[in-house]
């Protein structure tokens, strides 16, 4: 899970635990499209592929990856929507 500072910024949360490629990335993209600039989304996943897929997608978008926290195989991506 994200640290307290990152977690306090999150305005929306997406839980894709138990889902594997391509579902976590697809659901992340879909959720980001519904949010407004300035919103901060936390995405919780346990598919190791998300450590590659989500940062790569964010790098190609206008959004900003603020933090990635690995907590014993659960990953939390903190994304600022632009």
C-alpha atoms as a PDB file:
ATOM      1  CA  UNK A   1       0.000   0.000   0.000  1.00  0.00           C
ATOM      2  CA  UNK A   2       1.133   3.579  -0.480  1.00  0.00           C
ATOM      3  CA  UNK A   3       2.765   5.473   2.312  1.00  0.00           C
ATOM      4  CA  UNK A   4       0.568   7.840   4.324  1.00  0.00           C
ATOM      5  CA  UNK A   5       1.630  10.934   2.370  1.00  0.00           C
ATOM      6  CA  UNK A   6       0.826   9.380  -1.019  1.00  0.00           C
ATOM      7  CA  UNK A   7      -2.362   7.793   0.249  1.00  0.00           C
ATOM      8  CA  UNK A   8      -3.699  11.081   1.611  1.00  0.00           C
ATOM      9  CA  UNK A   9      -3.531  12.580  -1.905  1.00  0.00           C
ATOM     10  CA  UNK A  10      -5.630   9.866  -3.578  1.00  0.00           C
ATOM     11  CA  UNK A  11      -9.061  11.069  -4.722  1.00  0.00           C
ATOM     12  CA  UNK A  12     -10.072   7.881  -6.595  1.00  0.00           C
ATOM     13  CA  UNK A  13      -9.132   4.248  -6.139  1.00  0.00           C
ATOM     14  CA  UNK A  14      -9.046   1.268  -8.510  1.00  0.00           C
ATOM     15  CA  UNK A  15      -8.577  -2.255  -7.166  1.00  0.00           C
ATOM     16  CA  UNK A  16      -7.524  -4.809  -9.784  1.00  0.00           C
ATOM     17  CA  UNK A  17      -6.117  -7.410  -7.402  1.00  0.00           C
ATOM     18  CA  UNK A  18      -6.455 -10.899  -8.828  1.00  0.00           C
ATOM     19  CA  UNK A  19      -6.652  -9.746 -12.446  1.00  0.00           C
ATOM     20  CA  UNK A  20      -3.904 -10.376 -14.956  1.00  0.00           C
ATOM     21  CA  UNK A  21      -2.746  -8.809 -18.211  1.00  0.00           C
ATOM     22  CA  UNK A  22      -4.374  -7.107 -20.008  1.00  0.00           C
ATOM     23  CA  UNK A  23      -7.152  -6.352 -17.490  1.00  0.00           C
ATOM     24  CA  UNK A  24      -5.230  -4.103 -15.028  1.00  0.00           C
ATOM     25  CA  UNK A  25      -3.914  -1.831 -17.776  1.00  0.00           C
ATOM     26  CA  UNK A  26      -7.265  -1.735 -19.599  1.00  0.00           C
ATOM     27  CA  UNK A  27      -9.167  -0.867 -16.406  1.00  0.00           C
ATOM     28  CA  UNK A  28      -6.566   1.772 -15.491  1.00  0.00           C
ATOM     29  CA  UNK A  29      -6.895   3.448 -18.897  1.00  0.00           C
ATOM     30  CA  UNK A  30     -10.695   3.327 -18.690  1.00  0.00           C
ATOM     31  CA  UNK A  31     -10.742   4.815 -15.182  1.00  0.00           C
ATOM     32  CA  UNK A  32      -8.302   7.616 -16.091  1.00  0.00           C
ATOM     33  CA  UNK A  33     -10.573   8.684 -18.969  1.00  0.00           C
ATOM     34  CA  UNK A  34     -13.399   9.317 -16.498  1.00  0.00           C
ATOM     35  CA  UNK A  35     -11.366  11.532 -14.164  1.00  0.00           C
ATOM     36  CA  UNK A  36     -10.592  15.239 -14.289  1.00  0.00           C
ATOM     37  CA  UNK A  37      -7.259  17.036 -14.357  1.00  0.00           C
ATOM     38  CA  UNK A  38      -5.838  17.241 -10.860  1.00  0.00           C
ATOM     39  CA  UNK A  39      -7.487  14.041  -9.635  1.00  0.00           C
ATOM     40  CA  UNK A  40      -5.160  11.443  -8.171  1.00  0.00           C
ATOM     41  CA  UNK A  41      -5.895   7.775  -8.658  1.00  0.00           C
ATOM     42  CA  UNK A  42      -4.467   4.894  -6.704  1.00  0.00           C
ATOM     43  CA  UNK A  43      -4.336   1.585  -8.555  1.00  0.00           C
ATOM     44  CA  UNK A  44      -3.826  -1.581  -6.507  1.00  0.00           C
ATOM     45  CA  UNK A  45      -2.638  -4.639  -8.449  1.00  0.00           C
ATOM     46  CA  UNK A  46      -0.788  -7.893  -7.901  1.00  0.00           C
ATOM     47  CA  UNK A  47       0.096  -8.812 -11.498  1.00  0.00           C
ATOM     48  CA  UNK A  48       3.894  -8.373 -11.834  1.00  0.00           C
ATOM     49  CA  UNK A  49       3.396  -7.251 -15.462  1.00  0.00           C
ATOM     50  CA  UNK A  50       1.782  -4.046 -14.159  1.00  0.00           C
ATOM     51  CA  UNK A  51       5.223  -2.910 -12.965  1.00  0.00           C
ATOM     52  CA  UNK A  52       6.126  -2.622 -16.638  1.00  0.00           C
ATOM     53  CA  UNK A  53       2.783  -1.927 -18.319  1.00  0.00           C
ATOM     54  CA  UNK A  54       1.362   0.882 -16.194  1.00  0.00           C
ATOM     55  CA  UNK A  55       4.535   3.038 -16.020  1.00  0.00           C
ATOM     56  CA  UNK A  56       5.050   2.558 -19.770  1.00  0.00           C
ATOM     57  CA  UNK A  57       1.479   3.694 -20.488  1.00  0.00           C
ATOM     58  CA  UNK A  58       1.781   6.689 -18.136  1.00  0.00           C
ATOM     59  CA  UNK A  59       5.044   7.723 -19.846  1.00  0.00           C
ATOM     60  CA  UNK A  60       3.164   7.817 -23.153  1.00  0.00           C
ATOM     61  CA  UNK A  61       0.218   9.783 -21.751  1.00  0.00           C
ATOM     62  CA  UNK A  62      -0.178  13.234 -20.252  1.00  0.00           C
ATOM     63  CA  UNK A  63      -0.603  11.767 -16.778  1.00  0.00           C
ATOM     64  CA  UNK A  64       2.093  11.666 -14.084  1.00  0.00           C
ATOM     65  CA  UNK A  65       3.177   8.614 -12.102  1.00  0.00           C
ATOM     66  CA  UNK A  66       3.768  10.013  -8.619  1.00  0.00           C
ATOM     67  CA  UNK A  67       4.701   6.827  -6.791  1.00  0.00           C
ATOM     68  CA  UNK A  68       4.876   3.046  -7.024  1.00  0.00           C
ATOM     69  CA  UNK A  69       4.831   1.105  -3.783  1.00  0.00           C
ATOM     70  CA  UNK A  70       5.543  -2.628  -3.618  1.00  0.00           C
ATOM     71  CA  UNK A  71       4.074  -4.167  -0.484  1.00  0.00           C
ATOM     72  CA  UNK A  72       4.864  -7.892  -0.506  1.00  0.00           C
ATOM     73  CA  UNK A  73       3.696  -8.453  -4.057  1.00  0.00           C
ATOM     74  CA  UNK A  74       0.855  -5.936  -4.045  1.00  0.00           C
ATOM     75  CA  UNK A  75       1.666  -2.846  -6.068  1.00  0.00           C
ATOM     76  CA  UNK A  76       0.091   0.545  -5.639  1.00  0.00           C
ATOM     77  CA  UNK A  77       0.478   3.068  -8.437  1.00  0.00           C
ATOM     78  CA  UNK A  78      -0.299   6.707  -7.574  1.00  0.00           C
ATOM     79  CA  UNK A  79      -1.223   8.563 -10.767  1.00  0.00           C
ATOM     80  CA  UNK A  80      -1.982  12.254 -11.192  1.00  0.00           C
ATOM     81  CA  UNK A  81      -4.483  12.927 -13.959  1.00  0.00           C
ATOM     82  CA  UNK A  82      -3.647  15.653 -16.483  1.00  0.00           C
END
